[in-house]
């Protein structure tokens, strides 16, 4: 099955399942986004991004905030997997990561995020020069490769709680070995919807983000079922 047909198929399944669980999906989106907005507002003092120190401090703040986002994302993965499975879905699932094994989430996220940001780090030293764009574009390519390769890590943390962070990352790398372009295509297919969502004063994102998350959940399940030939 080519990428277009595959994307169309799992997005159709996602729309169907999302409509059955729309209330919980919308509530979870609003709670998570509001929590992250409040957090970033508190942790984002005015910075001078024209200085190297200011740029590094800005990177550090983003890095810290991303850990909270990762823990919320783990809870969101649990919620969306429950939409498809037999588990009863409840809104409190989105807070699961704060009470249960946050250390594993933090460990996995630290490795992924630090590796991703290291790809972009060299460009900060050439901020006002032509070399900035060369290093920045090379960093973006590396960033995308890392994010795609380890994109299934949080799903794996949910499904395999006994698996160590190291093995979770290796498993994600294995699952995504021949599937990075497929996932990149799926992400790309959501760009027009994100543009529409943003142009509607971000109101449309209330539907677009849950739709994307539901699609990513089906993508993960397809990877697992294909590997085990279920």
N, C-alpha and C. Protein backbone atom coordinates (compact mmCIF):
# COMPACT_ATOMS: atom_id res chain seq x y z
N UNK A 1 0.84 -1.20 0.00
CA UNK A 1 0.00 0.00 0.00
C UNK A 1 0.88 1.26 0.00
N UNK A 2 0.65 2.17 -0.98
CA UNK A 2 1.49 3.36 -1.03
C UNK A 2 1.12 4.34 0.08
N UNK A 3 1.94 5.39 0.23
CA UNK A 3 1.78 6.31 1.35
C UNK A 3 0.44 7.04 1.31
N UNK A 4 0.00 7.42 0.11
CA UNK A 4 -1.27 8.15 0.00
C UNK A 4 -2.44 7.29 0.45
N UNK A 5 -2.50 6.06 -0.04
CA UNK A 5 -3.60 5.17 0.33
C UNK A 5 -3.56 4.82 1.82
N UNK A 6 -2.34 4.60 2.33
CA UNK A 6 -2.20 4.28 3.74
C UNK A 6 -2.67 5.44 4.61
N UNK A 7 -2.24 6.65 4.26
CA UNK A 7 -2.64 7.84 5.03
C UNK A 7 -4.15 8.03 4.97
N UNK A 8 -4.73 7.86 3.80
CA UNK A 8 -6.18 8.02 3.64
C UNK A 8 -6.94 7.00 4.49
N UNK A 9 -6.44 5.78 4.52
CA UNK A 9 -7.11 4.71 5.27
C UNK A 9 -7.11 4.98 6.77
N UNK A 10 -5.93 5.29 7.33
CA UNK A 10 -5.89 5.46 8.79
C UNK A 10 -6.55 6.78 9.21
N UNK A 11 -6.56 7.76 8.33
CA UNK A 11 -7.24 9.01 8.68
C UNK A 11 -8.76 8.82 8.67
N UNK A 12 -9.25 7.96 7.78
CA UNK A 12 -10.68 7.65 7.78
C UNK A 12 -11.07 6.92 9.06
N UNK A 13 -10.25 5.95 9.48
CA UNK A 13 -10.49 5.25 10.75
C UNK A 13 -10.45 6.22 11.92
N UNK A 14 -9.53 7.16 11.86
CA UNK A 14 -9.36 8.13 12.94
C UNK A 14 -10.57 9.04 13.06
N UNK A 15 -11.09 9.50 11.94
CA UNK A 15 -12.28 10.37 11.98
C UNK A 15 -13.46 9.64 12.60
N UNK A 16 -13.62 8.38 12.21
CA UNK A 16 -14.73 7.59 12.74
C UNK A 16 -14.62 7.40 14.25
N UNK A 17 -13.43 7.05 14.71
CA UNK A 17 -13.24 6.80 16.13
C UNK A 17 -13.28 8.10 16.93
N UNK A 18 -12.77 9.17 16.35
CA UNK A 18 -12.76 10.46 17.05
C UNK A 18 -14.17 10.98 17.27
N UNK A 19 -15.02 10.81 16.30
CA UNK A 19 -16.42 11.26 16.44
C UNK A 19 -17.12 10.55 17.59
N UNK A 20 -16.73 9.31 17.85
CA UNK A 20 -17.34 8.55 18.94
C UNK A 20 -16.82 9.00 20.31
N UNK A 21 -15.67 9.68 20.31
CA UNK A 21 -15.04 10.08 21.57
C UNK A 21 -14.70 11.58 21.56
N UNK A 22 -15.50 12.34 20.83
CA UNK A 22 -15.16 13.74 20.59
C UNK A 22 -15.12 14.58 21.87
N UNK A 23 -16.06 14.36 22.77
CA UNK A 23 -16.14 15.17 23.99
C UNK A 23 -14.86 15.04 24.82
N UNK A 24 -14.43 13.80 25.06
CA UNK A 24 -13.22 13.58 25.85
C UNK A 24 -11.98 14.13 25.13
N UNK A 25 -11.94 13.96 23.82
CA UNK A 25 -10.80 14.45 23.05
C UNK A 25 -10.69 15.97 23.13
N UNK A 26 -11.82 16.65 23.02
CA UNK A 26 -11.81 18.11 23.08
C UNK A 26 -11.46 18.61 24.47
N UNK A 27 -12.04 18.00 25.49
CA UNK A 27 -11.73 18.40 26.87
C UNK A 27 -10.25 18.21 27.17
N UNK A 28 -9.70 17.08 26.77
CA UNK A 28 -8.29 16.81 27.04
C UNK A 28 -7.40 17.82 26.33
N UNK A 29 -7.75 18.15 25.09
CA UNK A 29 -6.97 19.15 24.34
C UNK A 29 -6.98 20.49 25.04
N UNK A 30 -8.15 20.94 25.46
CA UNK A 30 -8.26 22.25 26.10
C UNK A 30 -7.51 22.30 27.43
N UNK A 31 -7.63 21.25 28.23
CA UNK A 31 -6.95 21.22 29.53
C UNK A 31 -5.43 21.24 29.34
N UNK A 32 -4.93 20.42 28.41
CA UNK A 32 -3.49 20.35 28.19
C UNK A 32 -2.95 21.66 27.64
N UNK A 33 -3.63 22.23 26.65
CA UNK A 33 -3.16 23.47 26.04
C UNK A 33 -3.19 24.62 27.03
N UNK A 34 -4.24 24.70 27.84
CA UNK A 34 -4.33 25.77 28.84
C UNK A 34 -3.23 25.62 29.88
N UNK A 35 -2.97 24.39 30.31
CA UNK A 35 -1.91 24.14 31.30
C UNK A 35 -0.55 24.54 30.75
N UNK A 36 -0.28 24.18 29.50
CA UNK A 36 1.01 24.51 28.88
C UNK A 36 1.14 26.01 28.69
N UNK A 37 0.05 26.67 28.31
CA UNK A 37 0.07 28.13 28.11
C UNK A 37 0.41 28.85 29.41
N UNK A 38 -0.21 28.43 30.50
CA UNK A 38 0.06 29.04 31.80
C UNK A 38 1.51 28.79 32.21
N UNK A 39 1.97 27.57 32.00
CA UNK A 39 3.33 27.21 32.38
C UNK A 39 4.37 28.02 31.61
N UNK A 40 4.21 28.11 30.30
CA UNK A 40 5.18 28.84 29.49
C UNK A 40 5.15 30.33 29.78
N UNK A 41 3.99 30.86 30.13
CA UNK A 41 3.88 32.29 30.49
C UNK A 41 4.67 32.57 31.77
N UNK A 42 4.60 31.65 32.70
CA UNK A 42 5.31 31.81 33.97
C UNK A 42 6.82 31.68 33.78
N UNK A 43 7.22 30.76 32.91
CA UNK A 43 8.64 30.42 32.76
C UNK A 43 9.34 31.18 31.64
N UNK A 44 8.68 32.18 31.06
CA UNK A 44 9.28 32.88 29.91
C UNK A 44 9.46 34.37 30.20
N UNK A 45 10.54 34.73 30.90
CA UNK A 45 10.82 36.15 31.16
C UNK A 45 11.30 36.83 29.88
N UNK A 46 11.24 38.17 29.82
CA UNK A 46 11.77 38.88 28.64
C UNK A 46 13.26 38.59 28.47
N UNK A 47 13.65 38.22 27.27
CA UNK A 47 15.05 37.85 27.02
C UNK A 47 15.60 38.67 25.86
N UNK A 48 16.91 38.89 25.88
CA UNK A 48 17.60 39.54 24.78
C UNK A 48 18.15 38.46 23.85
N UNK A 49 17.42 38.18 22.77
CA UNK A 49 17.84 37.11 21.87
C UNK A 49 18.95 37.54 20.92
N UNK A 50 19.39 38.79 21.04
CA UNK A 50 20.52 39.24 20.22
C UNK A 50 21.86 38.83 20.82
N UNK A 51 21.83 38.36 22.07
CA UNK A 51 23.05 37.89 22.71
C UNK A 51 23.06 36.37 22.76
N UNK A 52 24.26 35.78 22.76
CA UNK A 52 24.37 34.32 22.83
C UNK A 52 23.78 33.81 24.13
N UNK A 53 24.03 34.55 25.24
CA UNK A 53 23.49 34.16 26.54
C UNK A 53 21.98 34.11 26.53
N UNK A 54 21.34 35.12 25.91
CA UNK A 54 19.88 35.17 25.83
C UNK A 54 19.33 34.03 25.00
N UNK A 55 20.01 33.71 23.91
CA UNK A 55 19.54 32.61 23.06
C UNK A 55 19.66 31.27 23.77
N UNK A 56 20.77 31.07 24.50
CA UNK A 56 20.95 29.83 25.24
C UNK A 56 19.92 29.71 26.36
N UNK A 57 19.64 30.84 27.04
CA UNK A 57 18.64 30.82 28.11
C UNK A 57 17.25 30.51 27.54
N UNK A 58 16.95 31.07 26.38
CA UNK A 58 15.67 30.78 25.72
C UNK A 58 15.55 29.31 25.38
N UNK A 59 16.64 28.73 24.87
CA UNK A 59 16.66 27.30 24.57
C UNK A 59 16.43 26.48 25.83
N UNK A 60 17.06 26.92 26.93
CA UNK A 60 16.91 26.21 28.20
C UNK A 60 15.48 26.20 28.71
N UNK A 61 14.80 27.34 28.58
CA UNK A 61 13.41 27.44 29.03
C UNK A 61 12.51 26.53 28.20
N UNK A 62 12.71 26.55 26.88
CA UNK A 62 11.94 25.67 26.00
C UNK A 62 12.19 24.21 26.37
N UNK A 63 13.45 23.90 26.66
CA UNK A 63 13.83 22.54 27.02
C UNK A 63 13.10 22.09 28.28
N UNK A 64 13.06 22.93 29.31
CA UNK A 64 12.39 22.58 30.56
C UNK A 64 10.88 22.42 30.36
N UNK A 65 10.27 23.34 29.63
CA UNK A 65 8.83 23.26 29.39
C UNK A 65 8.46 22.00 28.61
N UNK A 66 9.37 21.54 27.77
CA UNK A 66 9.08 20.38 26.94
C UNK A 66 8.89 19.11 27.76
N UNK A 67 9.48 19.06 28.98
CA UNK A 67 9.31 17.89 29.83
C UNK A 67 7.86 17.77 30.30
N UNK A 68 7.26 18.89 30.64
CA UNK A 68 5.86 18.89 31.05
C UNK A 68 4.97 18.48 29.88
N UNK A 69 5.31 19.00 28.71
CA UNK A 69 4.55 18.63 27.51
C UNK A 69 4.65 17.12 27.27
N UNK A 70 5.85 16.54 27.45
CA UNK A 70 6.04 15.11 27.23
C UNK A 70 5.20 14.28 28.20
N UNK A 71 5.14 14.71 29.46
CA UNK A 71 4.36 13.96 30.45
C UNK A 71 2.87 14.03 30.12
N UNK A 72 2.42 15.20 29.69
CA UNK A 72 1.03 15.32 29.24
C UNK A 72 0.79 14.46 28.00
N UNK A 73 1.76 14.43 27.10
CA UNK A 73 1.61 13.65 25.87
C UNK A 73 1.49 12.17 26.17
N UNK A 74 2.23 11.69 27.16
CA UNK A 74 2.09 10.28 27.56
C UNK A 74 0.65 10.00 27.97
N UNK A 75 0.07 10.89 28.79
CA UNK A 75 -1.32 10.72 29.20
C UNK A 75 -2.27 10.75 28.02
N UNK A 76 -1.97 11.62 27.07
CA UNK A 76 -2.80 11.70 25.87
C UNK A 76 -2.71 10.42 25.05
N UNK A 77 -1.53 9.84 24.98
CA UNK A 77 -1.37 8.57 24.27
C UNK A 77 -2.22 7.47 24.93
N UNK A 78 -2.23 7.44 26.25
CA UNK A 78 -3.04 6.46 26.98
C UNK A 78 -4.51 6.66 26.67
N UNK A 79 -4.95 7.91 26.69
CA UNK A 79 -6.36 8.21 26.43
C UNK A 79 -6.77 7.78 25.02
N UNK A 80 -5.94 8.10 24.03
CA UNK A 80 -6.31 7.79 22.65
C UNK A 80 -6.22 6.29 22.36
N UNK A 81 -5.29 5.61 23.00
CA UNK A 81 -5.26 4.15 22.86
C UNK A 81 -6.51 3.52 23.47
N UNK A 82 -7.02 4.12 24.53
CA UNK A 82 -8.24 3.60 25.16
C UNK A 82 -9.46 3.80 24.27
N UNK A 83 -9.43 4.83 23.42
CA UNK A 83 -10.53 5.03 22.48
C UNK A 83 -10.66 3.83 21.53
N UNK A 84 -9.53 3.24 21.18
CA UNK A 84 -9.52 2.14 20.22
C UNK A 84 -9.67 0.80 20.92
N UNK A 85 -9.10 0.68 22.11
CA UNK A 85 -9.13 -0.58 22.83
C UNK A 85 -10.38 -0.78 23.65
N UNK A 86 -10.29 -1.68 24.61
CA UNK A 86 -11.44 -2.05 25.44
C UNK A 86 -11.44 -1.33 26.79
N UNK A 87 -10.41 -0.52 27.05
CA UNK A 87 -10.31 0.18 28.33
C UNK A 87 -11.29 1.34 28.39
N UNK A 88 -11.89 1.55 29.56
CA UNK A 88 -12.79 2.69 29.73
C UNK A 88 -11.98 3.98 29.66
N UNK A 89 -12.45 4.93 28.88
CA UNK A 89 -11.73 6.20 28.70
C UNK A 89 -12.20 7.21 29.74
N UNK A 90 -11.25 7.82 30.44
CA UNK A 90 -11.57 8.87 31.42
C UNK A 90 -10.59 10.03 31.25
N UNK A 91 -11.04 11.22 31.59
CA UNK A 91 -10.24 12.41 31.41
C UNK A 91 -8.99 12.40 32.29
N UNK A 92 -9.06 11.72 33.42
CA UNK A 92 -7.91 11.71 34.33
C UNK A 92 -6.71 10.97 33.74
N UNK A 93 -6.92 10.24 32.65
CA UNK A 93 -5.80 9.55 32.00
C UNK A 93 -4.71 10.51 31.55
N UNK A 94 -5.06 11.74 31.22
CA UNK A 94 -4.05 12.68 30.71
C UNK A 94 -3.05 13.07 31.80
N UNK A 95 -3.39 12.81 33.06
CA UNK A 95 -2.48 13.14 34.17
C UNK A 95 -1.69 11.91 34.64
N UNK A 96 -1.84 10.79 33.94
CA UNK A 96 -1.22 9.53 34.35
C UNK A 96 0.29 9.68 34.54
N UNK A 97 0.94 10.35 33.61
CA UNK A 97 2.39 10.46 33.63
C UNK A 97 2.95 11.20 34.82
N UNK A 98 2.14 12.07 35.45
CA UNK A 98 2.62 12.83 36.60
C UNK A 98 2.66 11.97 37.86
N UNK A 99 1.85 10.91 37.88
CA UNK A 99 1.77 10.05 39.07
C UNK A 99 2.51 8.72 38.90
N UNK A 100 2.66 8.29 37.67
CA UNK A 100 3.23 6.97 37.40
C UNK A 100 4.44 7.08 36.48
N UNK A 101 5.56 6.63 36.96
CA UNK A 101 6.83 6.57 36.21
C UNK A 101 7.16 7.84 35.42
N UNK A 102 7.04 9.03 36.02
CA UNK A 102 7.47 10.22 35.28
C UNK A 102 8.96 10.20 34.97
N UNK A 103 9.72 9.45 35.78
CA UNK A 103 11.17 9.36 35.56
C UNK A 103 11.49 8.71 34.22
N UNK A 104 10.71 7.70 33.83
CA UNK A 104 10.95 7.04 32.55
C UNK A 104 10.62 7.97 31.39
N UNK A 105 9.54 8.72 31.54
CA UNK A 105 9.16 9.69 30.50
C UNK A 105 10.25 10.76 30.38
N UNK A 106 10.70 11.28 31.51
CA UNK A 106 11.72 12.32 31.52
C UNK A 106 13.02 11.81 30.90
N UNK A 107 13.40 10.59 31.24
CA UNK A 107 14.63 10.00 30.71
C UNK A 107 14.57 9.87 29.19
N UNK A 108 13.49 9.30 28.69
CA UNK A 108 13.33 9.13 27.24
C UNK A 108 13.26 10.48 26.54
N UNK A 109 12.48 11.38 27.11
CA UNK A 109 12.33 12.70 26.48
C UNK A 109 13.63 13.49 26.50
N UNK A 110 14.40 13.36 27.60
CA UNK A 110 15.67 14.07 27.69
C UNK A 110 16.61 13.64 26.56
N UNK A 111 16.70 12.34 26.32
CA UNK A 111 17.59 11.83 25.28
C UNK A 111 17.15 12.32 23.90
N UNK A 112 15.83 12.23 23.64
CA UNK A 112 15.33 12.65 22.32
C UNK A 112 15.50 14.14 22.11
N UNK A 113 15.08 14.92 23.10
CA UNK A 113 15.09 16.38 22.95
C UNK A 113 16.51 16.94 22.93
N UNK A 114 17.37 16.45 23.82
CA UNK A 114 18.75 16.95 23.83
C UNK A 114 19.45 16.61 22.51
N UNK A 115 19.20 15.40 21.98
CA UNK A 115 19.81 15.02 20.70
C UNK A 115 19.28 15.90 19.57
N UNK A 116 17.98 16.20 19.62
CA UNK A 116 17.37 17.04 18.59
C UNK A 116 17.91 18.46 18.65
N UNK A 117 17.99 19.02 19.86
CA UNK A 117 18.46 20.40 20.01
C UNK A 117 19.94 20.54 19.69
N UNK A 118 20.71 19.48 19.92
CA UNK A 118 22.13 19.53 19.58
C UNK A 118 22.33 19.74 18.07
N UNK A 119 21.38 19.26 17.29
CA UNK A 119 21.46 19.46 15.84
C UNK A 119 21.33 20.94 15.48
N UNK A 120 20.57 21.69 16.28
CA UNK A 120 20.34 23.10 16.00
C UNK A 120 21.35 24.01 16.69
N UNK A 121 22.05 23.49 17.67
CA UNK A 121 22.95 24.30 18.50
C UNK A 121 24.02 25.05 17.71
N UNK A 122 24.70 24.42 16.75
CA UNK A 122 25.77 25.14 16.03
C UNK A 122 25.30 26.42 15.35
N UNK A 123 24.05 26.47 14.91
CA UNK A 123 23.56 27.66 14.21
C UNK A 123 23.51 28.88 15.12
N UNK A 124 23.40 28.68 16.43
CA UNK A 124 23.33 29.81 17.36
C UNK A 124 24.62 30.62 17.38
N UNK A 125 25.73 30.00 17.02
CA UNK A 125 27.01 30.71 17.03
C UNK A 125 27.22 31.56 15.78
N UNK A 126 26.32 31.42 14.79
CA UNK A 126 26.44 32.19 13.55
C UNK A 126 25.14 32.94 13.25
N UNK A 127 24.56 33.51 14.32
CA UNK A 127 23.21 34.07 14.24
C UNK A 127 23.08 35.17 13.20
N UNK A 128 24.07 36.01 13.06
CA UNK A 128 23.96 37.16 12.16
C UNK A 128 24.80 37.00 10.89
N UNK A 129 25.09 35.76 10.52
CA UNK A 129 25.90 35.53 9.33
C UNK A 129 25.19 34.58 8.37
N UNK A 130 25.74 34.50 7.16
CA UNK A 130 25.18 33.60 6.16
C UNK A 130 25.28 32.14 6.58
N UNK A 131 26.34 31.83 7.35
CA UNK A 131 26.54 30.45 7.80
C UNK A 131 25.40 29.96 8.70
N UNK A 132 24.68 30.91 9.30
CA UNK A 132 23.56 30.53 10.15
C UNK A 132 22.59 29.66 9.38
N UNK A 133 22.24 30.03 8.15
CA UNK A 133 21.24 29.29 7.38
C UNK A 133 21.74 27.92 6.97
N UNK A 134 23.03 27.80 6.69
CA UNK A 134 23.59 26.49 6.34
C UNK A 134 23.50 25.54 7.52
N UNK A 135 23.96 26.02 8.69
CA UNK A 135 23.91 25.19 9.89
C UNK A 135 22.48 24.94 10.34
N UNK A 136 21.63 25.95 10.15
CA UNK A 136 20.24 25.81 10.58
C UNK A 136 19.51 24.77 9.74
N UNK A 137 19.67 24.81 8.43
CA UNK A 137 19.00 23.84 7.55
C UNK A 137 19.53 22.43 7.80
N UNK A 138 20.84 22.30 8.00
CA UNK A 138 21.41 20.98 8.31
C UNK A 138 20.87 20.49 9.65
N UNK A 139 20.74 21.41 10.61
CA UNK A 139 20.20 21.06 11.91
C UNK A 139 18.74 20.63 11.85
N UNK A 140 17.97 21.30 11.00
CA UNK A 140 16.56 20.94 10.84
C UNK A 140 16.42 19.52 10.29
N UNK A 141 17.26 19.17 9.33
CA UNK A 141 17.22 17.82 8.76
C UNK A 141 17.53 16.79 9.84
N UNK A 142 18.57 17.04 10.62
CA UNK A 142 18.91 16.13 11.72
C UNK A 142 17.81 16.08 12.77
N UNK A 143 17.23 17.23 13.08
CA UNK A 143 16.14 17.31 14.05
C UNK A 143 14.96 16.45 13.62
N UNK A 144 14.56 16.57 12.36
CA UNK A 144 13.42 15.81 11.84
C UNK A 144 13.72 14.32 11.86
N UNK A 145 14.93 13.93 11.47
CA UNK A 145 15.30 12.51 11.45
C UNK A 145 15.20 11.91 12.86
N UNK A 146 15.71 12.62 13.85
CA UNK A 146 15.66 12.12 15.23
C UNK A 146 14.22 12.04 15.73
N UNK A 147 13.45 13.07 15.47
CA UNK A 147 12.06 13.09 15.94
C UNK A 147 11.24 11.96 15.31
N UNK A 148 11.45 11.70 14.04
CA UNK A 148 10.73 10.61 13.36
C UNK A 148 11.20 9.25 13.88
N UNK A 149 12.50 9.10 14.05
CA UNK A 149 13.05 7.81 14.48
C UNK A 149 12.55 7.39 15.85
N UNK A 150 12.39 8.35 16.75
CA UNK A 150 12.00 8.03 18.12
C UNK A 150 10.55 8.44 18.43
N UNK A 151 9.77 8.64 17.38
CA UNK A 151 8.40 9.15 17.52
C UNK A 151 7.46 8.19 18.25
N UNK A 152 7.79 6.91 18.29
CA UNK A 152 6.89 5.93 18.91
C UNK A 152 7.24 5.63 20.37
N UNK A 153 8.20 6.36 20.91
CA UNK A 153 8.71 6.06 22.26
C UNK A 153 7.65 6.15 23.34
N UNK A 154 6.82 7.19 23.31
CA UNK A 154 5.81 7.35 24.36
C UNK A 154 4.72 6.29 24.25
N UNK A 155 4.36 5.92 23.03
CA UNK A 155 3.42 4.81 22.86
C UNK A 155 3.99 3.53 23.46
N UNK A 156 5.27 3.30 23.22
CA UNK A 156 5.91 2.09 23.73
C UNK A 156 6.01 2.11 25.25
N UNK A 157 6.21 3.28 25.84
CA UNK A 157 6.22 3.38 27.29
C UNK A 157 4.88 2.98 27.88
N UNK A 158 3.81 3.27 27.15
CA UNK A 158 2.46 2.90 27.61
C UNK A 158 2.25 1.40 27.47
N UNK A 159 2.58 0.85 26.32
CA UNK A 159 2.28 -0.56 26.03
C UNK A 159 3.26 -1.54 26.68
N UNK A 160 4.48 -1.07 26.95
CA UNK A 160 5.50 -1.96 27.51
C UNK A 160 6.13 -1.31 28.74
N UNK A 161 5.38 -1.24 29.84
CA UNK A 161 5.89 -0.56 31.06
C UNK A 161 7.12 -1.22 31.66
N UNK A 162 7.35 -2.49 31.31
CA UNK A 162 8.52 -3.19 31.85
C UNK A 162 9.79 -2.89 31.05
N UNK A 163 9.65 -2.25 29.91
CA UNK A 163 10.78 -1.99 29.02
C UNK A 163 11.59 -0.79 29.53
N UNK A 164 12.90 -0.90 29.52
CA UNK A 164 13.76 0.19 29.98
C UNK A 164 13.74 1.33 28.96
N UNK A 165 14.05 2.56 29.40
CA UNK A 165 14.11 3.68 28.45
C UNK A 165 15.01 3.42 27.26
N UNK A 166 16.16 2.78 27.51
CA UNK A 166 17.08 2.47 26.42
C UNK A 166 16.41 1.55 25.40
N UNK A 167 15.75 0.51 25.86
CA UNK A 167 15.10 -0.44 24.96
C UNK A 167 13.89 0.18 24.26
N UNK A 168 13.23 1.11 24.93
CA UNK A 168 12.11 1.82 24.31
C UNK A 168 12.62 2.60 23.10
N UNK A 169 13.72 3.30 23.27
CA UNK A 169 14.29 4.08 22.16
C UNK A 169 14.76 3.17 21.02
N UNK A 170 15.39 2.06 21.38
CA UNK A 170 15.85 1.12 20.35
C UNK A 170 14.67 0.50 19.61
N UNK A 171 13.60 0.20 20.34
CA UNK A 171 12.40 -0.38 19.72
C UNK A 171 11.75 0.62 18.76
N UNK A 172 11.68 1.88 19.18
CA UNK A 172 11.12 2.90 18.29
C UNK A 172 11.96 3.03 17.03
N UNK A 173 13.27 3.01 17.21
CA UNK A 173 14.18 3.08 16.06
C UNK A 173 13.95 1.92 15.11
N UNK A 174 13.72 0.75 15.67
CA UNK A 174 13.45 -0.44 14.86
C UNK A 174 12.12 -0.32 14.11
N UNK A 175 11.07 0.11 14.83
CA UNK A 175 9.76 0.24 14.21
C UNK A 175 9.75 1.26 13.07
N UNK A 176 10.54 2.33 13.23
CA UNK A 176 10.51 3.43 12.27
C UNK A 176 11.56 3.29 11.16
N UNK A 177 12.31 2.18 11.17
CA UNK A 177 13.43 2.05 10.24
C UNK A 177 13.00 2.27 8.78
N UNK A 178 11.90 1.67 8.38
CA UNK A 178 11.41 1.83 7.00
C UNK A 178 10.12 2.64 6.94
N UNK A 179 9.81 3.37 8.00
CA UNK A 179 8.51 4.06 8.06
C UNK A 179 8.60 5.56 8.31
N UNK A 180 9.81 6.10 8.28
CA UNK A 180 9.96 7.53 8.56
C UNK A 180 9.29 8.39 7.49
N UNK A 181 9.45 8.03 6.23
CA UNK A 181 8.82 8.81 5.16
C UNK A 181 7.30 8.71 5.23
N UNK A 182 6.81 7.56 5.62
CA UNK A 182 5.37 7.37 5.75
C UNK A 182 4.79 8.30 6.82
N UNK A 183 5.48 8.38 7.95
CA UNK A 183 5.01 9.26 9.02
C UNK A 183 5.18 10.73 8.62
N UNK A 184 6.28 11.04 7.96
CA UNK A 184 6.49 12.41 7.49
C UNK A 184 5.38 12.83 6.53
N UNK A 185 4.96 11.92 5.68
CA UNK A 185 3.86 12.20 4.75
C UNK A 185 2.57 12.49 5.51
N UNK A 186 2.31 11.71 6.56
CA UNK A 186 1.11 11.93 7.36
C UNK A 186 1.14 13.30 8.03
N UNK A 187 2.29 13.65 8.60
CA UNK A 187 2.42 14.98 9.20
C UNK A 187 2.18 16.07 8.15
N UNK A 188 2.77 15.87 6.98
CA UNK A 188 2.60 16.85 5.90
C UNK A 188 1.16 17.01 5.46
N UNK A 189 0.41 15.91 5.51
CA UNK A 189 -0.99 15.96 5.08
C UNK A 189 -1.86 16.80 6.01
N UNK A 190 -1.35 17.07 7.21
CA UNK A 190 -2.10 17.89 8.16
C UNK A 190 -1.78 19.38 8.05
N UNK A 191 -0.76 19.73 7.26
CA UNK A 191 -0.37 21.14 7.16
C UNK A 191 -1.52 22.03 6.68
N UNK A 192 -2.26 21.65 5.61
CA UNK A 192 -3.39 22.51 5.20
C UNK A 192 -4.42 22.70 6.31
N UNK A 193 -4.70 21.63 7.07
CA UNK A 193 -5.67 21.75 8.16
C UNK A 193 -5.15 22.66 9.27
N UNK A 194 -3.86 22.58 9.54
CA UNK A 194 -3.26 23.47 10.55
C UNK A 194 -3.34 24.92 10.10
N UNK A 195 -3.10 25.17 8.82
CA UNK A 195 -3.19 26.53 8.29
C UNK A 195 -4.60 27.08 8.45
N UNK A 196 -5.59 26.25 8.10
CA UNK A 196 -6.99 26.65 8.27
C UNK A 196 -7.30 26.90 9.74
N UNK A 197 -6.80 26.00 10.59
CA UNK A 197 -7.03 26.14 12.02
C UNK A 197 -6.46 27.43 12.58
N UNK A 198 -5.25 27.78 12.13
CA UNK A 198 -4.61 29.02 12.59
C UNK A 198 -5.34 30.25 12.06
N UNK A 199 -5.75 30.19 10.80
CA UNK A 199 -6.46 31.32 10.20
C UNK A 199 -7.83 31.54 10.83
N UNK A 200 -8.36 30.53 11.49
CA UNK A 200 -9.66 30.68 12.19
C UNK A 200 -9.43 31.12 13.64
N UNK A 201 -8.35 31.92 13.83
CA UNK A 201 -7.97 32.40 15.16
C UNK A 201 -7.69 31.24 16.12
N UNK A 202 -7.13 30.16 15.54
CA UNK A 202 -6.73 28.95 16.27
C UNK A 202 -7.91 28.13 16.80
N UNK A 203 -9.13 28.56 16.53
CA UNK A 203 -10.30 27.80 16.99
C UNK A 203 -10.37 26.44 16.30
N UNK A 204 -9.96 26.39 15.03
CA UNK A 204 -10.01 25.13 14.30
C UNK A 204 -9.04 24.09 14.81
N UNK A 205 -8.01 24.54 15.54
CA UNK A 205 -7.03 23.59 16.08
C UNK A 205 -7.65 22.68 17.13
N UNK A 206 -8.76 23.11 17.70
CA UNK A 206 -9.46 22.28 18.69
C UNK A 206 -9.89 20.95 18.07
N UNK A 207 -10.14 20.96 16.78
CA UNK A 207 -10.49 19.73 16.08
C UNK A 207 -9.30 19.10 15.36
N UNK A 208 -8.41 19.95 14.82
CA UNK A 208 -7.29 19.44 14.03
C UNK A 208 -6.32 18.63 14.88
N UNK A 209 -5.97 19.14 16.07
CA UNK A 209 -4.98 18.45 16.91
C UNK A 209 -5.48 17.08 17.38
N UNK A 210 -6.71 16.96 17.90
CA UNK A 210 -7.21 15.61 18.24
C UNK A 210 -7.27 14.67 17.03
N UNK A 211 -7.62 15.20 15.87
CA UNK A 211 -7.65 14.40 14.65
C UNK A 211 -6.26 13.86 14.33
N UNK A 212 -5.25 14.73 14.46
CA UNK A 212 -3.86 14.31 14.22
C UNK A 212 -3.42 13.27 15.25
N UNK A 213 -3.76 13.50 16.52
CA UNK A 213 -3.36 12.56 17.57
C UNK A 213 -4.02 11.20 17.39
N UNK A 214 -5.26 11.18 16.95
CA UNK A 214 -5.95 9.92 16.70
C UNK A 214 -5.30 9.18 15.54
N UNK A 215 -4.90 9.93 14.51
CA UNK A 215 -4.22 9.33 13.36
C UNK A 215 -2.87 8.75 13.76
N UNK A 216 -2.13 9.45 14.60
CA UNK A 216 -0.84 8.95 15.07
C UNK A 216 -1.01 7.68 15.90
N UNK A 217 -2.12 7.59 16.62
CA UNK A 217 -2.39 6.38 17.40
C UNK A 217 -2.62 5.18 16.49
N UNK A 218 -3.40 5.39 15.44
CA UNK A 218 -3.61 4.30 14.47
C UNK A 218 -2.31 3.94 13.75
N UNK A 219 -1.49 4.93 13.49
CA UNK A 219 -0.19 4.68 12.85
C UNK A 219 0.65 3.76 13.73
N UNK A 220 0.71 4.06 15.02
CA UNK A 220 1.48 3.23 15.95
C UNK A 220 0.94 1.80 15.99
N UNK A 221 -0.36 1.66 16.11
CA UNK A 221 -0.96 0.33 16.18
C UNK A 221 -0.69 -0.47 14.91
N UNK A 222 -0.68 0.23 13.77
CA UNK A 222 -0.37 -0.44 12.51
C UNK A 222 1.07 -0.96 12.51
N UNK A 223 2.00 -0.17 13.05
CA UNK A 223 3.39 -0.60 13.14
C UNK A 223 3.52 -1.86 13.98
N UNK A 224 2.86 -1.86 15.14
CA UNK A 224 2.93 -3.00 16.05
C UNK A 224 2.30 -4.24 15.41
N UNK A 225 1.14 -4.08 14.82
CA UNK A 225 0.44 -5.22 14.22
C UNK A 225 1.19 -5.75 13.02
N UNK A 226 1.82 -4.87 12.25
CA UNK A 226 2.59 -5.31 11.10
C UNK A 226 3.83 -6.09 11.53
N UNK A 227 4.49 -5.62 12.59
CA UNK A 227 5.68 -6.30 13.06
C UNK A 227 5.35 -7.69 13.60
N UNK A 228 4.21 -7.79 14.29
CA UNK A 228 3.82 -9.08 14.87
C UNK A 228 2.86 -9.86 13.95
N UNK A 229 2.62 -9.26 12.75
CA UNK A 229 1.76 -9.91 11.75
C UNK A 229 0.40 -10.29 12.34
N UNK A 230 -0.21 -9.28 13.06
CA UNK A 230 -1.52 -9.52 13.65
C UNK A 230 -2.62 -9.24 12.64
